[in-house]
Each structure stands twice: as structure tokens, then as C-alpha cells.
Amino acid sequence: MKFPRLAAGAALSLLLLNAYGEQYYQSKTPYGPQQDMASYEAAPPGYRPVYTQLLARHGSRGLSSFKADLALYNLWRQAGKEHALTPLGRQLGPDIRQLMKANFLLGYGVDGISKPGYGNETMQGVAEHTQLAQRLYQRLPQLFNDAAGQSRQIVVVTSGKDRAVDSGYFFTRSLLAQQASLAPLLVYPDSLAPRAETSPASHDSRPRGTDRYLLYFHKLSARQDQVADAADPLYPAYQASQSYQAWLRSDELRDREAAILAQPRLAAAAKTVLERLFTPAFVAALAQGRYRVANTGTYRYTSADGKFSNRLSGDGDTVIASATDAALALYELYAAAADMRHEVAADFTRYVPPAQAAVFAAVDDAQSFYAKGPGIAENGDLNYRMASTLLDDFFKEVDAVASGDLSHAAKLRFSHAEIVIPMAAMLGLPGMAAPLPRASMYSYDNNSWRGATVAPMAANIQWDVYTDGQGSTLVRMLYNEKETDFKPDCDSARMAPASHFYRYAQLKSCYQR
């Protein structure tokens, strides 16, 4: 299948700024609240907050694995052997080694991180969830004071993956720092589980306070999560996950990604970036496929106190065989370094000028749009149908409140971009849910979906619930702490035409339709 080229200026058509006033980190963008709570709409007279719930991505993290950094370092070493490094290029190797060391030791000595190394949250990530909890408390202090007085539960659930578990720890630790009397209210429930499991609480893969069906549904596996009974309520989610994973392995997606990577403007950006680091002859040879390096080799780093050491070997699976491969590997380190400002002093922005970073960011968004985002219109809800159980859980929580069951004061969920992104699409949120026809190619000119907006680090969706004590229930949604409209079809549920407070019964009816 042939795909249309992206417009020449598409990569530059949107300036995305992160919390530091810099741009182009996309889904690796450090978190910042998108609205000052002082400007939030006041609740209607007679209504008070009685409940809140949260879905949050883990905070800023390091590199997820020992891959792009090692492969690029091996390319740098090859260039060094051939005297093909520029003055700027000679500085790249030591900076990569600094980044590698930081990832080898990431989380060592940090309370709440049990296994240091790649994939852990950085101190920036710890701060993001610490501050997110502080602002939640500041927004709803009376809710938490009432909860303590009435012994109402604060339910905490994670995906079970380290960085999500750690985010939950840092968030709740911060919440307790605001009000210590909340500690007895924290509960970690049993996971959802197939009917065929007679004792889910004792199942080794489902420790209390974790739930893969709610918060890791993009990777449900036959070995660990299979739901065989078509009458089981979890069967649709399991089947949706299998369909989604088949899409990730499909030839169609592979062809789509190849077309994205074949854009001439990407090759031009790669050439510009690499020729600042390597000689033109070396870059030309790389572009011609005359070099092939992988993430091979073994390294060990030890903490400054000598008490922790980490030895890792590359698996050889990440290969750099073209100029585009090399440039995108460098872009990955550039984005990762933005989330490691406390651990890494090296400035990777000097290796990727803004004009070229914009091109790489647009490529990253295009890949994410098809692999994680709304995707192809003809595929229907393939990319997000698996989030239905999570959306049902949000409504189930508010159903209880609306019916007078106030046993829960809050439900806090900690997960991943692959969960937040389909949840946003499932909700039909403007700018986050529009697919494109198969015959089109995603660009900044034809779609407003952006990784930096939908799923920066610590991205979150919050529903605050208010009642008037006479049977009326309202919901307000915050997305990355900005008052956010539900899908346009639900406008009739608003309390007033421009209000962010929605009548719950009508809102639920709208989504059930």
C-alpha cells in the first residue's frame, strides 16, 4: 500500500512546550499541571465534593531498557576508531556513558524503589506524583477531612509493574504527609480475575492492590490472564487485548511504520543531526547501509558508596543500520534525558537542534497514533476497546456514590501511557479520539492528536463527584488537571451550556448509548 507524504511543514506546525519551556519530547514530556486550580469553575450552590477518582500514568522515568544507548555508543566507538568524529561528536560518547551509568543505578537509595536500574522512576518522576497528590488534597481538603471522620476507604490499585507500583507509593506517601489520619483508610483490593480462578487473592500473579485487567490490559497473556468462558464479564476485555496485540504484530502496521520512516524529511533531518557529530563520509556510509552495530557488550557500574553494583549485557536486538536508525536512537536519549535532570548533568539538547527535534517528534507522534492512539478508522475501536472494563470501573464507582454508598472516598489507579491513551479515546475526548481513514497518513495538519498532550509523564484523568444531599449527583473531569469536557454527544448533561459540571445520570446514559 502507498501512503501519502506528510506536508513539508507539518513537523513545524505545532510548538509543544514542556514544563521547562523546551519542546519536542512528546510522550516523554515531563509533567506539568495544565490549569491553575484557582481558576477552576466553582461547584453549583448546595453541592459539595463527596468522592474523587484518578487514573495516572507513572511519573518520569529513565530508559526502559539497555538498548538505544548501548547501540548508539557502539556506533560512536566505531566512528572513533575511524577518526570520524567532529569536536561535538567527541563529547557524545562520554555523555552516553553518563546516561548509561545513571540508568544502571537508577533508584538506588530511593525509599520506595526496591530494584534499582533501567525503567525506574527518576527523582523528577517522584516529584511529579508527590506534587500531584498535594494538589489533589489542596483541591478537595474537606473531602479528605470528612473521609477520616467517617472511616471511608481510599482504594489504591496499580498495574503491578514496578514504576506504577512506585508511583502509587509516592502518591499515597504524599497524601499522608498532608493528613496522617488517612493512613488507616488506604485499602488494596483483590484483582479482578476470571471466574475459573477459585482463589484470586492467592494467585501469585495477582497480588492485592494490582489489577492487570484494569491497568495492564494492553498485554493480557494466555499464560497469565486467559479468560476462556465467553460468559465471563472479563472475556470481552481479554479478547479485545488479543485483537490489539495481533494488530501490533500485523503486516499492515509494519507497513504503516515503514512509510512513516521513509519520509524524505526524516532522512534530511537525520543527515543534518549526524553530520554535526560525524564526518560526512561516515554519515554517507551509514546511510548506504555499510555499517551495522547493535546493543552488544557488557558493562558494570557501582554506586558511589560501593554498596550497589549492576552488571548488564546488551541483547543485540537493537540494531543501527542506517542514518535514520542512528538519529532516532539519539532522539530517544534526548527525550529520556529530559526526564533525568536530577541524575544526568549532560545536555543532550545540544545534539538535536530544535528544527530536527520537531521532525523526530512528528515521527514519534505518527508511530504512536497508529500503535497506541485512535489509529485507522476502518479498524473501529480496535486500539481502545480493551479499555471498556476500566471505563466501566469509573462508572461503577460513581454509581455507588449516586446510590448513597459512600464507603469509598477515593479510588487511585496507577498505570502506563498504554492505558491512559485508550481511556482518553474510549471517553471520546476532543483531540484524543479521532482516527484517520486508511488511505490517509497521520500528520500535524490533519489530526490534533499529540503524545505530549494525551500522555506526558504522569498524565492523569480525574473525576470529582459532588452531591447536593437530595439525590442529585454531578461529575467534573480534569485531564492533566485541566477542566475538560466529556465527549460532545454528552453536552446535554451539562448543568449549564459552558459548565464543566455534568449531571451524572444523563452523563452515564450518554455513554451507555
Protein backbone atom coordinates (compact mmCIF):
# COMPACT_ATOMS: atom_id res chain seq x y z
CA MET A 1 0.00 0.00 0.00
CA LYS A 2 1.23 3.50 -0.84
CA PHE A 3 0.82 6.25 1.69
CA PRO A 4 0.68 10.00 1.04
CA ARG A 5 3.66 12.03 2.12
CA LEU A 6 3.36 14.33 5.08
CA ALA A 7 3.20 18.00 4.23
CA ALA A 8 6.65 19.58 4.16
CA GLY A 9 5.87 21.96 7.01
CA ALA A 10 3.83 19.54 9.10
CA ALA A 11 6.59 18.84 11.61
CA LEU A 12 6.91 22.54 12.38
CA SER A 13 3.23 23.38 12.53
CA LEU A 14 2.86 22.99 16.29
CA LEU A 15 5.13 24.14 19.09
CA LEU A 16 4.81 21.90 22.13
CA LEU A 17 6.41 23.22 25.28
CA ASN A 18 7.14 21.06 28.30
CA ALA A 19 7.39 22.21 31.90
CA TYR A 20 10.89 23.57 31.24
CA GLY A 21 9.96 25.74 28.27
CA GLU A 22 11.52 23.31 25.81
CA GLN A 23 9.81 21.25 23.17
CA TYR A 24 9.55 18.00 21.27
CA TYR A 25 9.67 15.29 23.95
CA GLN A 26 6.15 14.05 23.08
CA SER A 27 5.07 11.17 25.37
CA LYS A 28 8.34 11.63 27.32
CA THR A 29 7.38 15.23 28.15
CA PRO A 30 7.86 15.97 31.87
CA TYR A 31 4.57 16.62 33.61
CA GLY A 32 3.10 19.97 34.48
CA PRO A 33 -0.49 20.78 35.52
CA GLN A 34 -2.37 22.39 32.65
CA GLN A 35 -4.52 24.76 34.71
CA ASP A 36 -4.20 26.69 37.94
CA MET A 37 -6.78 25.32 40.35
CA ALA A 38 -7.63 28.88 41.39
CA SER A 39 -9.32 29.27 38.03
CA TYR A 40 -11.50 26.14 38.34
CA GLU A 41 -15.24 26.62 37.99
CA ALA A 42 -16.96 26.74 41.37
CA ALA A 43 -19.42 23.99 42.18
CA PRO A 44 -23.08 24.98 41.92
CA PRO A 45 -24.63 26.27 45.16
CA GLY A 46 -25.64 23.49 47.53
CA TYR A 47 -23.22 20.88 46.13
CA ARG A 48 -20.21 19.53 47.99
CA PRO A 49 -17.46 17.08 46.93
CA VAL A 50 -18.01 13.56 48.23
CA TYR A 51 -15.69 11.44 46.09
CA THR A 52 -12.81 11.58 43.64
CA GLN A 53 -11.10 9.05 41.39
CA LEU A 54 -7.86 9.10 39.47
CA LEU A 55 -6.11 7.26 36.66
CA ALA A 56 -2.47 8.29 36.39
CA ARG A 57 0.47 7.26 34.28
CA HIS A 58 3.68 6.63 36.21
CA GLY A 59 5.98 9.61 36.60
CA SER A 60 9.09 10.47 34.60
CA ARG A 61 11.40 7.52 34.19
CA GLY A 62 14.74 6.61 32.75
CA LEU A 63 15.30 4.48 29.69
CA SER A 64 13.15 1.37 29.82
CA SER A 65 15.97 -0.97 28.76
CA PHE A 66 19.67 -1.22 27.85
CA LYS A 67 19.15 -0.80 24.11
CA ALA A 68 19.31 2.54 22.25
CA ASP A 69 22.04 3.92 24.49
CA LEU A 70 24.34 0.93 24.02
CA ALA A 71 23.72 0.65 20.27
CA LEU A 72 24.45 4.35 19.74
CA TYR A 73 27.52 4.13 21.96
CA ASN A 74 28.85 1.27 19.83
CA LEU A 75 28.31 3.38 16.71
CA TRP A 76 30.20 6.22 18.37
CA ARG A 77 33.08 3.87 19.18
CA GLN A 78 33.20 2.70 15.57
CA ALA A 79 33.38 6.31 14.38
CA GLY A 80 36.14 6.99 16.88
CA LYS A 81 38.20 4.10 15.54
CA GLU A 82 37.90 5.62 12.07
CA HIS A 83 38.70 9.17 13.24
CA ALA A 84 35.26 10.18 12.01
CA LEU A 85 34.14 12.27 15.00
CA THR A 86 33.65 16.02 14.95
CA PRO A 87 34.57 18.12 18.02
CA LEU A 88 30.93 17.98 19.14
CA GLY A 89 30.75 14.29 18.31
CA ARG A 90 33.71 13.54 20.59
CA GLN A 91 31.61 14.76 23.52
CA LEU A 92 28.71 12.43 22.73
CA GLY A 93 30.36 9.20 23.92
CA PRO A 94 31.12 10.39 27.47
CA ASP A 95 27.59 11.80 27.71
CA ILE A 96 26.11 8.46 26.65
CA ARG A 97 28.24 6.71 29.28
CA GLN A 98 26.96 9.18 31.87
CA LEU A 99 23.38 8.39 30.85
CA MET A 100 24.10 4.65 30.94
CA LYS A 101 25.54 4.86 34.45
CA ALA A 102 22.56 6.83 35.68
CA ASN A 103 20.19 4.19 34.32
CA PHE A 104 22.22 1.29 35.73
CA LEU A 105 21.96 2.83 39.20
CA LEU A 106 18.55 4.49 38.83
CA GLY A 107 16.58 4.38 42.06
CA TYR A 108 19.41 3.21 44.28
CA GLY A 109 18.99 4.69 47.75
CA VAL A 110 15.50 5.99 46.99
CA ASP A 111 12.88 4.91 49.53
CA GLY A 112 10.06 3.23 47.64
CA ILE A 113 12.16 1.77 44.80
CA SER A 114 13.04 -1.83 45.54
CA LYS A 115 15.06 -2.80 42.46
CA PRO A 116 17.38 -0.12 41.04
CA GLY A 117 18.11 0.00 37.34
CA TYR A 118 16.57 0.68 33.95
CA GLY A 119 12.88 1.58 33.80
CA ASN A 120 12.62 3.11 37.26
CA GLU A 121 11.17 6.48 38.08
CA THR A 122 13.58 9.36 38.32
CA MET A 123 13.58 11.94 41.08
CA GLN A 124 11.61 14.11 38.67
CA GLY A 125 9.01 11.33 38.48
CA VAL A 126 8.90 11.07 42.26
CA ALA A 127 8.29 14.82 42.46
CA GLU A 128 5.55 14.68 39.81
CA HIS A 129 3.43 12.23 41.81
CA THR A 130 4.29 13.85 45.13
CA GLN A 131 3.04 17.20 43.85
CA LEU A 132 0.04 15.68 42.04
CA ALA A 133 -1.14 14.29 45.39
CA GLN A 134 -0.53 17.62 47.11
CA ARG A 135 -2.69 19.44 44.57
CA LEU A 136 -5.43 16.82 44.81
CA TYR A 137 -5.54 17.33 48.55
CA GLN A 138 -5.48 21.12 48.22
CA ARG A 139 -8.38 20.92 45.78
CA LEU A 140 -10.57 18.75 48.00
CA PRO A 141 -9.46 19.20 51.64
CA GLN A 142 -12.95 18.85 53.08
CA LEU A 143 -13.49 15.57 51.27
CA PHE A 144 -10.44 14.05 52.95
CA ASN A 145 -11.24 15.53 56.35
CA ASP A 146 -14.73 14.04 56.11
CA ALA A 147 -13.31 10.72 54.94
CA ALA A 148 -11.12 10.43 58.02
CA GLY A 149 -14.00 11.29 60.31
CA GLN A 150 -16.31 8.76 58.65
CA SER A 151 -13.70 6.00 58.06
CA ARG A 152 -14.29 5.98 54.32
CA GLN A 153 -11.85 3.97 52.22
CA ILE A 154 -9.21 5.24 49.80
CA VAL A 155 -8.77 2.43 47.30
CA VAL A 156 -5.33 2.08 45.68
CA VAL A 157 -4.70 -0.10 42.59
CA THR A 158 -1.69 -0.39 40.26
CA SER A 159 -0.77 -2.36 37.17
CA GLY A 160 1.72 -4.36 39.23
CA LYS A 161 4.70 -3.09 37.22
CA ASP A 162 7.45 -1.53 39.31
CA ARG A 163 7.18 2.07 38.15
CA ALA A 164 3.39 2.05 38.51
CA VAL A 165 3.61 0.48 41.98
CA ASP A 166 6.25 3.03 42.94
CA SER A 167 4.10 5.89 41.65
CA GLY A 168 1.28 4.69 43.86
CA TYR A 169 3.66 4.62 46.82
CA PHE A 170 4.98 8.14 46.23
CA PHE A 171 1.48 9.49 45.67
CA THR A 172 -0.04 7.97 48.80
CA ARG A 173 3.03 8.89 50.87
CA SER A 174 2.48 12.48 49.82
CA LEU A 175 -1.22 12.28 50.59
CA LEU A 176 -0.46 11.02 54.09
CA ALA A 177 2.02 13.84 54.56
CA GLN A 178 -0.92 16.20 54.07
CA GLN A 179 -3.13 14.32 56.52
CA ALA A 180 -1.68 11.45 58.54
CA SER A 181 -5.13 10.32 59.70
CA LEU A 182 -5.78 8.98 56.20
CA ALA A 183 -3.35 6.07 56.70
CA PRO A 184 -5.93 3.57 58.08
CA LEU A 185 -8.22 4.34 55.14
CA LEU A 186 -5.85 3.01 52.45
CA VAL A 187 -7.04 -0.33 51.05
CA TYR A 188 -5.52 -2.54 48.35
CA PRO A 189 -8.26 -4.72 46.87
CA ASP A 190 -8.12 -8.12 45.22
CA SER A 191 -7.64 -8.06 41.47
CA LEU A 192 -10.38 -8.81 39.04
CA ALA A 193 -9.95 -12.42 37.93
CA PRO A 194 -11.63 -14.94 35.64
CA ARG A 195 -14.47 -16.95 37.14
CA ALA A 196 -12.41 -20.10 36.64
CA GLU A 197 -9.95 -18.96 39.31
CA THR A 198 -11.31 -20.17 42.60
CA SER A 199 -8.93 -18.13 44.76
CA PRO A 200 -7.79 -14.95 43.01
CA ALA A 201 -6.45 -13.45 46.22
CA SER A 202 -3.85 -16.23 46.48
CA HIS A 203 -2.94 -16.28 42.80
CA ASP A 204 0.77 -15.44 42.60
CA SER A 205 0.30 -13.24 39.55
CA ARG A 206 -2.43 -11.15 41.21
CA PRO A 207 -1.13 -9.64 44.45
CA ARG A 208 -3.55 -7.43 46.29
CA GLY A 209 -3.67 -3.89 45.02
CA THR A 210 -2.77 -4.83 41.45
CA ASP A 211 -5.09 -5.44 38.51
CA ARG A 212 -3.94 -6.29 35.00
CA TYR A 213 -7.49 -6.34 33.57
CA LEU A 214 -7.99 -2.73 34.62
CA LEU A 215 -4.49 -1.32 34.32
CA TYR A 216 -2.36 -3.54 32.06
CA PHE A 217 -4.96 -4.63 29.55
CA HIS A 218 -2.76 -3.99 26.52
CA LYS A 219 -0.62 -7.03 27.38
CA LEU A 220 -3.03 -9.64 28.74
CA SER A 221 -1.43 -13.01 28.07
CA ALA A 222 -2.77 -16.52 27.59
CA ARG A 223 -0.39 -17.85 30.23
CA GLN A 224 -1.26 -15.38 32.96
CA ASP A 225 -4.62 -13.82 32.10
CA GLN A 226 -6.61 -16.13 29.83
CA VAL A 227 -10.38 -15.92 30.07
CA ALA A 228 -11.88 -18.96 28.34
CA ASP A 229 -15.53 -18.62 29.35
CA ALA A 230 -17.41 -16.41 26.88
CA ALA A 231 -19.96 -15.66 29.62
CA ASP A 232 -17.28 -14.27 31.94
CA PRO A 233 -17.52 -10.47 32.31
CA LEU A 234 -13.77 -10.27 31.64
CA TYR A 235 -13.98 -12.21 28.37
CA PRO A 236 -14.59 -9.16 26.12
CA ALA A 237 -11.60 -7.30 27.58
CA TYR A 238 -9.36 -10.33 27.18
CA GLN A 239 -10.44 -10.84 23.58
CA ALA A 240 -10.03 -7.14 22.85
CA SER A 241 -6.48 -7.31 24.21
CA GLN A 242 -5.67 -10.27 21.96
CA SER A 243 -7.03 -8.41 18.93
CA TYR A 244 -5.00 -5.34 19.79
CA GLN A 245 -1.81 -7.36 20.24
CA ALA A 246 -2.43 -9.01 16.87
CA TRP A 247 -2.64 -5.52 15.37
CA LEU A 248 0.77 -4.66 16.86
CA ARG A 249 2.20 -7.72 15.08
CA SER A 250 0.37 -7.11 11.82
CA ASP A 251 1.91 -6.52 8.40
CA GLU A 252 -0.37 -3.52 7.98
CA LEU A 253 1.06 -1.73 11.00
CA ARG A 254 4.59 -2.70 9.98
CA ASP A 255 3.98 -1.23 6.51
CA ARG A 256 2.49 1.91 8.01
CA GLU A 257 5.51 2.41 10.24
CA ALA A 258 7.87 1.79 7.33
CA ALA A 259 6.08 4.51 5.35
CA ILE A 260 6.46 6.91 8.29
CA LEU A 261 10.19 6.19 8.49
CA ALA A 262 10.61 6.57 4.71
CA GLN A 263 9.62 10.24 4.71
CA PRO A 264 12.33 12.28 2.93
CA ARG A 265 12.20 14.99 5.58
CA LEU A 266 13.19 12.41 8.21
CA ALA A 267 16.24 11.37 6.16
CA ALA A 268 17.16 15.05 5.76
CA ALA A 269 16.81 15.71 9.50
CA ALA A 270 18.88 12.64 10.33
CA LYS A 271 21.64 13.77 7.96
CA THR A 272 21.71 17.26 9.47
CA VAL A 273 21.94 15.97 13.04
CA LEU A 274 24.53 13.28 12.34
CA GLU A 275 26.83 15.50 10.30
CA ARG A 276 27.25 17.68 13.37
CA LEU A 277 28.65 14.60 15.15
CA PHE A 278 30.34 12.51 12.47
CA THR A 279 32.20 13.27 9.28
CA PRO A 280 30.11 13.50 6.09
CA ALA A 281 31.84 10.40 4.71
CA PHE A 282 30.91 8.35 7.78
CA VAL A 283 27.29 9.56 7.65
CA ALA A 284 27.09 8.78 3.94
CA ALA A 285 28.42 5.28 4.52
CA LEU A 286 25.89 4.77 7.32
CA ALA A 287 23.08 5.97 5.05
CA GLN A 288 24.24 3.49 2.40
CA GLY A 289 23.98 0.59 4.87
CA ARG A 290 27.73 -0.01 5.16
CA TYR A 291 27.66 -0.07 8.97
CA ARG A 292 25.64 -2.30 11.24
CA VAL A 293 26.02 -2.09 15.02
CA ALA A 294 23.85 -3.46 17.80
CA ASN A 295 23.43 -3.17 21.55
CA THR A 296 26.12 -5.70 22.38
CA GLY A 297 28.66 -5.68 25.20
CA THR A 298 28.73 -5.98 28.97
CA TYR A 299 29.09 -3.14 31.45
CA ARG A 300 29.09 -2.74 35.21
CA TYR A 301 28.51 0.35 37.31
CA THR A 302 28.80 0.72 41.08
CA SER A 303 27.20 3.28 43.35
CA ALA A 304 29.34 5.98 44.96
CA ASP A 305 29.14 4.25 48.34
CA GLY A 306 30.24 0.95 46.84
CA LYS A 307 27.22 -0.88 48.23
CA PHE A 308 25.33 -1.49 44.98
CA SER A 309 26.62 -2.77 41.66
CA ASN A 310 24.74 -3.55 38.47
CA ARG A 311 26.17 -5.61 35.62
CA LEU A 312 24.22 -5.80 32.35
CA SER A 313 24.80 -7.21 28.89
CA GLY A 314 23.12 -5.97 25.74
CA ASP A 315 20.87 -8.46 23.98
CA GLY A 316 21.85 -7.48 20.44
CA ASP A 317 18.23 -6.91 19.41
CA THR A 318 18.51 -3.16 18.79
CA VAL A 319 20.34 -2.57 15.52
CA ILE A 320 21.56 0.66 13.94
CA ALA A 321 21.97 0.06 10.22
CA SER A 322 21.06 3.44 8.75
CA ALA A 323 21.33 7.14 9.38
CA THR A 324 17.65 7.19 10.38
CA ASP A 325 18.25 4.43 12.94
CA ALA A 326 21.10 6.40 14.47
CA ALA A 327 19.22 9.70 14.58
CA LEU A 328 16.13 8.17 16.18
CA ALA A 329 18.30 6.40 18.76
CA LEU A 330 19.82 9.77 19.60
CA TYR A 331 16.33 11.30 19.80
CA GLU A 332 15.37 8.58 22.29
CA LEU A 333 18.30 9.57 24.53
CA TYR A 334 17.44 13.25 24.07
CA ALA A 335 13.89 12.60 25.28
CA ALA A 336 14.99 10.33 28.14
CA ALA A 337 17.48 12.91 29.40
CA ALA A 338 14.62 15.40 29.80
CA ASP A 339 13.17 13.10 32.46
CA MET A 340 16.52 12.57 34.23
CA ARG A 341 17.56 16.12 35.08
CA HIS A 342 18.43 15.18 38.66
CA GLU A 343 20.53 12.19 37.63
CA VAL A 344 22.21 13.36 34.40
CA ALA A 345 24.13 16.61 34.01
CA ALA A 346 24.80 16.08 30.30
CA ASP A 347 22.83 18.34 27.97
CA PHE A 348 21.50 16.24 25.10
CA THR A 349 19.63 19.19 23.60
CA ARG A 350 22.92 20.35 22.07
CA TYR A 351 22.98 17.24 19.90
CA VAL A 352 19.46 17.70 18.47
CA PRO A 353 18.66 21.22 17.22
CA PRO A 354 15.00 22.29 17.54
CA ALA A 355 14.23 22.13 13.82
CA GLN A 356 15.30 18.50 13.61
CA ALA A 357 13.79 17.62 17.01
CA ALA A 358 10.47 18.81 15.57
CA VAL A 359 10.76 16.30 12.73
CA PHE A 360 11.64 13.43 15.07
CA ALA A 361 8.76 14.39 17.36
CA ALA A 362 6.29 14.32 14.48
CA VAL A 363 7.55 10.86 13.52
CA ASP A 364 7.18 9.68 17.13
CA ASP A 365 3.62 11.01 17.23
CA ALA A 366 2.75 9.31 13.94
CA GLN A 367 4.05 5.96 15.17
CA SER A 368 2.22 6.32 18.49
CA PHE A 369 -1.02 7.42 16.80
CA TYR A 370 -1.25 4.11 14.92
CA ALA A 371 0.21 1.81 17.59
CA LYS A 372 -1.46 3.31 20.69
CA GLY A 373 -3.77 6.13 19.66
CA PRO A 374 -7.06 6.25 17.74
CA GLY A 375 -5.45 4.67 14.67
CA ILE A 376 -7.27 3.70 11.48
CA ALA A 377 -10.97 4.49 11.16
CA GLU A 378 -11.77 1.28 9.31
CA ASN A 379 -10.43 -0.68 12.30
CA GLY A 380 -13.17 0.73 14.51
CA ASP A 381 -12.36 0.69 18.21
CA LEU A 382 -9.58 -1.92 17.84
CA ASN A 383 -6.97 0.27 19.58
CA TYR A 384 -9.09 1.15 22.61
CA ARG A 385 -11.93 -1.36 23.01
CA MET A 386 -9.86 -3.11 25.70
CA ALA A 387 -10.33 -0.03 27.95
CA SER A 388 -14.04 -0.78 28.36
CA THR A 389 -13.55 -2.58 31.68
CA LEU A 390 -11.67 0.43 33.04
CA LEU A 391 -14.36 2.86 31.91
CA ASP A 392 -16.98 0.59 33.47
CA ASP A 393 -15.00 0.72 36.71
CA PHE A 394 -15.11 4.52 36.68
CA PHE A 395 -18.88 4.45 36.25
CA LYS A 396 -19.30 1.69 38.83
CA GLU A 397 -17.57 3.84 41.43
CA VAL A 398 -19.84 6.82 40.74
CA ASP A 399 -22.91 4.55 40.64
CA ALA A 400 -22.19 3.61 44.23
CA VAL A 401 -21.92 7.24 45.31
CA ALA A 402 -25.09 8.20 43.43
CA SER A 403 -26.97 5.39 45.15
CA GLY A 404 -25.86 6.61 48.58
CA ASP A 405 -22.97 4.20 49.17
CA LEU A 406 -20.16 6.43 50.46
CA SER A 407 -17.86 3.64 51.63
CA HIS A 408 -15.20 4.86 49.16
CA ALA A 409 -13.86 8.39 49.41
CA ALA A 410 -11.44 7.93 46.52
CA LYS A 411 -10.03 5.40 44.08
CA LEU A 412 -6.45 5.92 42.91
CA ARG A 413 -5.15 3.97 39.91
CA PHE A 414 -1.54 3.97 38.67
CA SER A 415 -0.56 2.64 35.31
CA HIS A 416 1.00 3.47 31.93
CA ALA A 417 0.66 5.54 28.76
CA GLU A 418 -0.76 2.46 27.03
CA ILE A 419 -3.69 2.63 29.46
CA VAL A 420 -4.27 6.39 29.59
CA ILE A 421 -4.23 6.77 25.79
CA PRO A 422 -7.02 4.24 25.05
CA MET A 423 -9.02 5.52 28.02
CA ALA A 424 -8.96 9.01 26.50
CA ALA A 425 -10.11 7.57 23.18
CA MET A 426 -12.80 5.48 24.91
CA LEU A 427 -14.10 8.65 26.54
CA GLY A 428 -14.22 10.31 23.12
CA LEU A 429 -12.31 13.36 24.30
CA PRO A 430 -11.79 16.09 21.70
CA GLY A 431 -8.33 15.93 20.12
CA MET A 432 -7.67 12.49 21.59
CA ALA A 433 -10.15 10.17 19.89
CA ALA A 434 -10.34 10.94 16.16
CA PRO A 435 -8.99 8.18 13.87
CA LEU A 436 -7.99 8.66 10.24
CA PRO A 437 -9.12 6.80 7.11
CA ARG A 438 -6.82 4.02 5.96
CA ALA A 439 -6.00 5.98 2.82
CA SER A 440 -4.65 8.92 4.86
CA MET A 441 -1.36 9.31 6.69
CA TYR A 442 -1.31 11.00 10.09
CA SER A 443 0.24 14.45 10.16
CA TYR A 444 0.02 17.55 12.29
CA ASP A 445 -2.04 19.09 9.50
CA ASN A 446 -4.86 16.52 9.51
CA ASN A 447 -5.13 15.42 13.16
CA SER A 448 -4.78 17.15 16.52
CA TRP A 449 -3.63 14.04 18.44
CA ARG A 450 -0.29 14.73 20.20
CA GLY A 451 1.61 12.49 22.59
CA ALA A 452 2.68 15.46 24.71
CA THR A 453 -0.96 16.38 25.33
CA VAL A 454 -2.55 12.94 25.67
CA ALA A 455 0.15 11.12 27.62
CA PRO A 456 3.04 13.12 29.04
CA MET A 457 4.74 11.59 32.05
CA ALA A 458 2.29 11.35 34.98
CA ALA A 459 -0.66 12.03 32.64
CA ASN A 460 -3.88 11.75 34.58
CA ILE A 461 -7.65 11.67 34.35
CA GLN A 462 -9.62 12.69 37.45
CA TRP A 463 -13.35 12.67 38.13
CA ASP A 464 -14.58 14.74 41.08
CA VAL A 465 -18.07 13.84 42.27
CA TYR A 466 -20.42 16.29 44.00
CA THR A 467 -23.85 15.79 45.57
CA ASP A 468 -26.48 18.13 46.96
CA GLY A 469 -27.71 15.70 49.62
CA GLN A 470 -31.07 15.43 47.85
CA GLY A 471 -30.29 12.79 45.27
CA SER A 472 -28.57 14.89 42.62
CA THR A 473 -25.01 13.90 41.59
CA LEU A 474 -22.58 15.89 39.45
CA VAL A 475 -19.23 14.92 37.88
CA ARG A 476 -16.39 17.18 36.80
CA MET A 477 -13.46 15.79 34.81
CA LEU A 478 -9.89 17.02 34.91
CA TYR A 479 -7.37 15.90 32.29
CA ASN A 480 -3.82 16.66 33.35
CA GLU A 481 -5.52 18.89 35.94
CA LYS A 482 -7.33 20.96 33.33
CA GLU A 483 -11.12 21.13 33.40
CA THR A 484 -12.07 19.02 30.41
CA ASP A 485 -15.30 18.37 28.56
CA PHE A 486 -16.71 14.92 28.10
CA LYS A 487 -17.49 13.93 24.52
CA PRO A 488 -19.69 16.41 22.62
CA ASP A 489 -22.59 13.95 22.49
CA CYS A 490 -22.96 14.47 26.24
CA ASP A 491 -23.34 18.27 26.17
CA SER A 492 -26.99 17.97 27.21
CA ALA A 493 -25.81 16.59 30.56
CA ARG A 494 -24.06 19.84 31.49
CA MET A 495 -25.50 21.87 34.35
CA ALA A 496 -25.23 24.94 32.11
CA PRO A 497 -24.08 25.42 28.50
CA ALA A 498 -20.45 26.26 29.36
CA SER A 499 -20.24 24.36 32.65
CA HIS A 500 -17.74 21.58 33.37
CA PHE A 501 -20.17 20.02 35.85
CA TYR A 502 -22.28 17.24 34.32
CA ARG A 503 -25.44 15.63 35.69
CA TYR A 504 -24.31 12.11 36.37
CA ALA A 505 -27.46 10.21 35.39
CA GLN A 506 -27.55 11.90 31.98
CA LEU A 507 -23.80 11.53 31.52
CA LYS A 508 -23.95 7.80 32.17
CA SER A 509 -26.91 7.43 29.84
CA CYS A 510 -24.96 9.25 27.13
CA TYR A 511 -22.02 6.84 27.37
CA GLN A 512 -24.28 3.80 27.53
CA ARG A 513 -25.82 4.85 24.24
